[in-house]
N, C-alpha and C. Protein backbone atom coordinates (compact mmCIF):
# COMPACT_ATOMS: atom_id res chain seq x y z
N UNK A 1 8.96 -10.20 14.05
CA UNK A 1 8.32 -8.98 13.57
C UNK A 1 9.38 -7.90 13.45
N UNK A 2 9.26 -7.09 12.43
CA UNK A 2 10.15 -5.95 12.27
C UNK A 2 9.89 -4.96 13.39
N UNK A 3 10.94 -4.45 13.97
CA UNK A 3 10.79 -3.48 15.05
C UNK A 3 10.26 -2.18 14.49
N UNK A 4 9.08 -1.78 14.91
CA UNK A 4 8.45 -0.55 14.45
C UNK A 4 8.80 0.56 15.43
N UNK A 5 9.38 1.62 14.89
CA UNK A 5 9.84 2.69 15.77
C UNK A 5 9.13 3.99 15.43
N UNK A 6 8.75 4.69 16.45
CA UNK A 6 8.14 6.00 16.32
C UNK A 6 9.21 7.05 16.58
N UNK A 7 8.99 8.26 16.09
CA UNK A 7 9.91 9.35 16.39
C UNK A 7 9.85 9.70 17.87
N UNK A 8 8.71 9.46 18.48
CA UNK A 8 8.52 9.68 19.91
C UNK A 8 8.44 8.30 20.57
N UNK A 9 9.44 7.91 21.37
CA UNK A 9 9.46 6.56 21.96
C UNK A 9 8.25 6.23 22.84
N UNK A 10 7.58 7.24 23.38
CA UNK A 10 6.43 6.99 24.24
C UNK A 10 5.14 6.84 23.43
N UNK A 11 5.19 7.13 22.15
CA UNK A 11 4.02 7.07 21.30
C UNK A 11 3.80 5.68 20.74
N UNK A 12 2.55 5.31 20.52
CA UNK A 12 2.22 4.05 19.90
C UNK A 12 2.13 4.19 18.38
N UNK A 13 2.20 5.40 17.90
CA UNK A 13 2.05 5.63 16.46
C UNK A 13 3.41 5.80 15.79
N UNK A 14 3.44 5.51 14.50
CA UNK A 14 4.64 5.67 13.70
C UNK A 14 4.24 5.93 12.26
N UNK A 15 5.19 6.41 11.46
CA UNK A 15 4.93 6.72 10.06
C UNK A 15 5.21 5.52 9.18
N UNK A 16 4.35 5.33 8.19
CA UNK A 16 4.57 4.30 7.17
C UNK A 16 4.21 4.90 5.81
N UNK A 17 4.73 4.27 4.78
CA UNK A 17 4.44 4.64 3.40
C UNK A 17 3.44 3.63 2.86
N UNK A 18 2.35 4.11 2.28
CA UNK A 18 1.28 3.26 1.77
C UNK A 18 1.38 3.13 0.25
N UNK A 19 1.32 1.88 -0.24
CA UNK A 19 1.37 1.64 -1.69
C UNK A 19 0.12 0.94 -2.21
N UNK A 20 -0.86 0.73 -1.36
CA UNK A 20 -2.07 0.01 -1.77
C UNK A 20 -2.72 0.64 -3.00
N UNK A 21 -2.73 1.95 -3.06
CA UNK A 21 -3.37 2.67 -4.17
C UNK A 21 -2.32 3.39 -5.03
N UNK A 22 -1.12 2.86 -5.09
CA UNK A 22 -0.02 3.54 -5.79
C UNK A 22 -0.32 3.80 -7.26
N UNK A 23 -1.03 2.92 -7.92
CA UNK A 23 -1.29 3.08 -9.35
C UNK A 23 -2.43 4.06 -9.65
N UNK A 24 -3.18 4.43 -8.65
CA UNK A 24 -4.27 5.39 -8.86
C UNK A 24 -4.11 6.68 -8.07
N UNK A 25 -3.55 6.60 -6.86
CA UNK A 25 -3.42 7.77 -6.01
C UNK A 25 -1.96 8.12 -5.71
N UNK A 26 -1.05 7.23 -6.06
CA UNK A 26 0.35 7.45 -5.74
C UNK A 26 0.71 6.87 -4.38
N UNK A 27 1.96 7.07 -4.00
CA UNK A 27 2.46 6.62 -2.69
C UNK A 27 2.26 7.76 -1.70
N UNK A 28 1.78 7.44 -0.50
CA UNK A 28 1.63 8.50 0.49
C UNK A 28 2.02 8.01 1.88
N UNK A 29 2.32 8.96 2.74
CA UNK A 29 2.80 8.67 4.10
C UNK A 29 1.69 9.01 5.09
N UNK A 30 1.48 8.10 6.07
CA UNK A 30 0.48 8.33 7.10
C UNK A 30 1.02 7.87 8.46
N UNK A 31 0.33 8.30 9.50
CA UNK A 31 0.63 7.83 10.86
C UNK A 31 -0.31 6.67 11.16
N UNK A 32 0.26 5.60 11.71
CA UNK A 32 -0.52 4.39 12.01
C UNK A 32 -0.15 3.85 13.38
N UNK A 33 -0.91 2.86 13.80
CA UNK A 33 -0.61 2.11 15.01
C UNK A 33 -0.42 0.65 14.62
N UNK A 34 0.42 -0.05 15.35
CA UNK A 34 0.60 -1.48 15.11
C UNK A 34 -0.70 -2.20 15.48
N UNK A 35 -0.96 -3.26 14.77
CA UNK A 35 -2.15 -4.06 15.02
C UNK A 35 -1.76 -5.32 15.78
N UNK A 36 -2.75 -6.10 16.16
CA UNK A 36 -2.49 -7.38 16.81
C UNK A 36 -1.71 -8.29 15.88
N UNK A 37 -2.08 -8.27 14.59
CA UNK A 37 -1.34 -9.04 13.60
C UNK A 37 -0.09 -8.27 13.20
N UNK A 38 1.04 -8.94 13.17
CA UNK A 38 2.29 -8.24 12.89
C UNK A 38 2.41 -7.76 11.45
N UNK A 39 1.60 -8.27 10.55
CA UNK A 39 1.67 -7.84 9.16
C UNK A 39 0.63 -6.77 8.83
N UNK A 40 -0.03 -6.23 9.84
CA UNK A 40 -1.09 -5.26 9.61
C UNK A 40 -0.88 -4.02 10.48
N UNK A 41 -1.24 -2.86 9.92
CA UNK A 41 -1.24 -1.62 10.69
C UNK A 41 -2.61 -0.97 10.52
N UNK A 42 -2.94 -0.06 11.43
CA UNK A 42 -4.24 0.59 11.38
C UNK A 42 -4.07 2.10 11.48
N UNK A 43 -4.78 2.81 10.61
CA UNK A 43 -4.83 4.27 10.69
C UNK A 43 -6.11 4.61 11.44
N UNK A 44 -5.95 5.13 12.65
CA UNK A 44 -7.10 5.45 13.49
C UNK A 44 -7.71 6.76 13.02
N UNK A 45 -9.01 6.75 12.83
CA UNK A 45 -9.75 7.96 12.44
C UNK A 45 -10.58 8.41 13.62
N UNK A 46 -10.82 9.70 13.69
CA UNK A 46 -11.65 10.23 14.77
C UNK A 46 -12.89 10.89 14.17
N UNK A 47 -13.85 11.11 15.00
CA UNK A 47 -15.08 11.73 14.54
C UNK A 47 -16.24 10.77 14.64
N UNK A 48 -17.40 11.30 14.45
CA UNK A 48 -18.62 10.53 14.65
C UNK A 48 -18.77 9.38 13.66
N UNK A 49 -18.49 9.62 12.39
CA UNK A 49 -18.69 8.61 11.36
C UNK A 49 -17.36 8.06 10.82
N UNK A 50 -16.30 8.24 11.57
CA UNK A 50 -14.97 7.84 11.10
C UNK A 50 -14.79 6.33 11.15
N UNK A 51 -14.18 5.79 10.11
CA UNK A 51 -13.84 4.38 10.05
C UNK A 51 -12.32 4.24 10.02
N UNK A 52 -11.81 3.30 10.76
CA UNK A 52 -10.37 3.06 10.74
C UNK A 52 -9.98 2.40 9.42
N UNK A 53 -8.75 2.66 8.97
CA UNK A 53 -8.22 2.04 7.76
C UNK A 53 -7.15 1.04 8.15
N UNK A 54 -7.26 -0.16 7.62
CA UNK A 54 -6.30 -1.23 7.90
C UNK A 54 -5.49 -1.51 6.66
N UNK A 55 -4.19 -1.66 6.82
CA UNK A 55 -3.30 -1.95 5.70
C UNK A 55 -2.48 -3.20 6.03
N UNK A 56 -2.49 -4.13 5.10
CA UNK A 56 -1.75 -5.38 5.25
C UNK A 56 -0.47 -5.31 4.43
N UNK A 57 0.53 -6.08 4.82
CA UNK A 57 1.72 -6.25 4.01
C UNK A 57 1.32 -6.91 2.72
N UNK A 58 1.79 -6.57 1.58
CA UNK A 58 2.96 -5.73 1.30
C UNK A 58 2.60 -4.30 0.97
N UNK A 59 1.47 -3.80 1.43
CA UNK A 59 1.02 -2.46 1.03
C UNK A 59 1.36 -1.35 2.02
N UNK A 60 2.20 -1.63 3.01
CA UNK A 60 2.74 -0.58 3.86
C UNK A 60 4.23 -0.86 4.08
N UNK A 61 5.00 0.23 4.22
CA UNK A 61 6.46 0.11 4.29
C UNK A 61 7.01 1.14 5.28
N UNK A 62 8.10 0.78 5.90
CA UNK A 62 8.72 1.68 6.88
C UNK A 62 9.60 2.73 6.21
N UNK A 63 10.04 2.47 4.97
CA UNK A 63 10.88 3.44 4.27
C UNK A 63 10.27 3.80 2.92
N UNK A 64 10.56 4.99 2.47
CA UNK A 64 10.08 5.45 1.16
C UNK A 64 10.68 4.59 0.05
N UNK A 65 11.93 4.19 0.21
CA UNK A 65 12.61 3.39 -0.80
C UNK A 65 11.92 2.04 -1.00
N UNK A 66 11.52 1.41 0.09
CA UNK A 66 10.81 0.14 0.01
C UNK A 66 9.45 0.33 -0.66
N UNK A 67 8.80 1.43 -0.37
CA UNK A 67 7.51 1.73 -0.99
C UNK A 67 7.65 1.93 -2.49
N UNK A 68 8.69 2.64 -2.90
CA UNK A 68 8.93 2.87 -4.32
C UNK A 68 9.21 1.55 -5.03
N UNK A 69 9.97 0.69 -4.40
CA UNK A 69 10.28 -0.62 -4.99
C UNK A 69 8.99 -1.44 -5.19
N UNK A 70 8.11 -1.45 -4.21
CA UNK A 70 6.84 -2.16 -4.31
C UNK A 70 5.96 -1.55 -5.40
N UNK A 71 5.87 -0.23 -5.44
CA UNK A 71 5.05 0.44 -6.45
C UNK A 71 5.56 0.15 -7.86
N UNK A 72 6.86 0.11 -8.03
CA UNK A 72 7.45 -0.22 -9.33
C UNK A 72 7.09 -1.65 -9.73
N UNK A 73 7.12 -2.58 -8.80
CA UNK A 73 6.73 -3.96 -9.09
C UNK A 73 5.25 -4.02 -9.48
N UNK A 74 4.41 -3.25 -8.80
CA UNK A 74 3.00 -3.20 -9.13
C UNK A 74 2.79 -2.63 -10.53
N UNK A 75 3.55 -1.60 -10.87
CA UNK A 75 3.44 -0.96 -12.19
C UNK A 75 3.82 -1.95 -13.29
N UNK A 76 4.93 -2.66 -13.10
CA UNK A 76 5.37 -3.62 -14.11
C UNK A 76 4.37 -4.76 -14.28
N UNK A 77 3.80 -5.22 -13.18
CA UNK A 77 2.79 -6.28 -13.25
C UNK A 77 1.56 -5.80 -14.02
N UNK A 78 1.14 -4.58 -13.76
CA UNK A 78 -0.01 -4.01 -14.46
C UNK A 78 0.28 -3.86 -15.95
N UNK A 79 1.48 -3.40 -16.31
CA UNK A 79 1.86 -3.28 -17.71
C UNK A 79 1.80 -4.62 -18.42
N UNK A 80 2.29 -5.66 -17.76
CA UNK A 80 2.26 -7.00 -18.35
C UNK A 80 0.82 -7.44 -18.60
N UNK A 81 -0.04 -7.21 -17.63
CA UNK A 81 -1.45 -7.57 -17.77
C UNK A 81 -2.09 -6.81 -18.93
N UNK A 82 -1.81 -5.52 -19.03
CA UNK A 82 -2.38 -4.72 -20.10
C UNK A 82 -1.88 -5.16 -21.47
N UNK A 83 -0.62 -5.55 -21.56
CA UNK A 83 -0.07 -6.04 -22.83
C UNK A 83 -0.77 -7.33 -23.24
N UNK A 84 -1.00 -8.23 -22.29
CA UNK A 84 -1.71 -9.47 -22.58
C UNK A 84 -3.14 -9.20 -23.04
N UNK A 85 -3.80 -8.25 -22.39
CA UNK A 85 -5.16 -7.89 -22.79
C UNK A 85 -5.18 -7.29 -24.19
N UNK A 86 -4.20 -6.44 -24.49
CA UNK A 86 -4.11 -5.83 -25.81
C UNK A 86 -3.91 -6.90 -26.88
N UNK A 87 -3.02 -7.85 -26.63
CA UNK A 87 -2.79 -8.93 -27.58
C UNK A 87 -4.08 -9.74 -27.81
N UNK A 88 -4.82 -9.97 -26.77
CA UNK A 88 -6.08 -10.72 -26.88
C UNK A 88 -7.05 -9.99 -27.80
N UNK A 89 -7.18 -8.67 -27.62
CA UNK A 89 -8.11 -7.91 -28.44
C UNK A 89 -7.61 -7.75 -29.88
N UNK A 90 -6.31 -7.70 -30.07
CA UNK A 90 -5.77 -7.63 -31.42
C UNK A 90 -6.04 -8.91 -32.21
N UNK A 91 -6.03 -10.04 -31.54
CA UNK A 91 -6.30 -11.33 -32.20
C UNK A 91 -7.79 -11.57 -32.44
N UNK A 92 -8.62 -10.82 -31.74
CA UNK A 92 -10.06 -11.03 -31.81
C UNK A 92 -10.61 -10.57 -33.16
N UNK A 93 -11.47 -11.38 -33.76
CA UNK A 93 -12.15 -11.00 -34.99
C UNK A 93 -13.63 -11.34 -34.84
N UNK A 94 -14.44 -10.63 -35.58
CA UNK A 94 -15.88 -10.85 -35.56
C UNK A 94 -16.31 -11.23 -36.97
N UNK A 95 -16.87 -12.40 -37.13
CA UNK A 95 -17.32 -12.86 -38.45
C UNK A 95 -18.73 -13.30 -38.41
């Protein structure tokens, strides 16, 4: 497992960059806690109706640079899919 480090060594929380919603909301940074699974982190919410948010790899990153790299890969994959869909509709005819 990658060593997860907090700015405060006594804290269980640390910062990560989230790319799960990069194509709709952008990349953002949050405080999370490590989960039992090494590929998952959890953003703990407080309050009466609060639900925790869980993020799995590859949608969380320890560095902004890694998050940008993942978001760029997601963008390129989406562009490829959209181009294929466009080609499909261009070939479509109704008779």
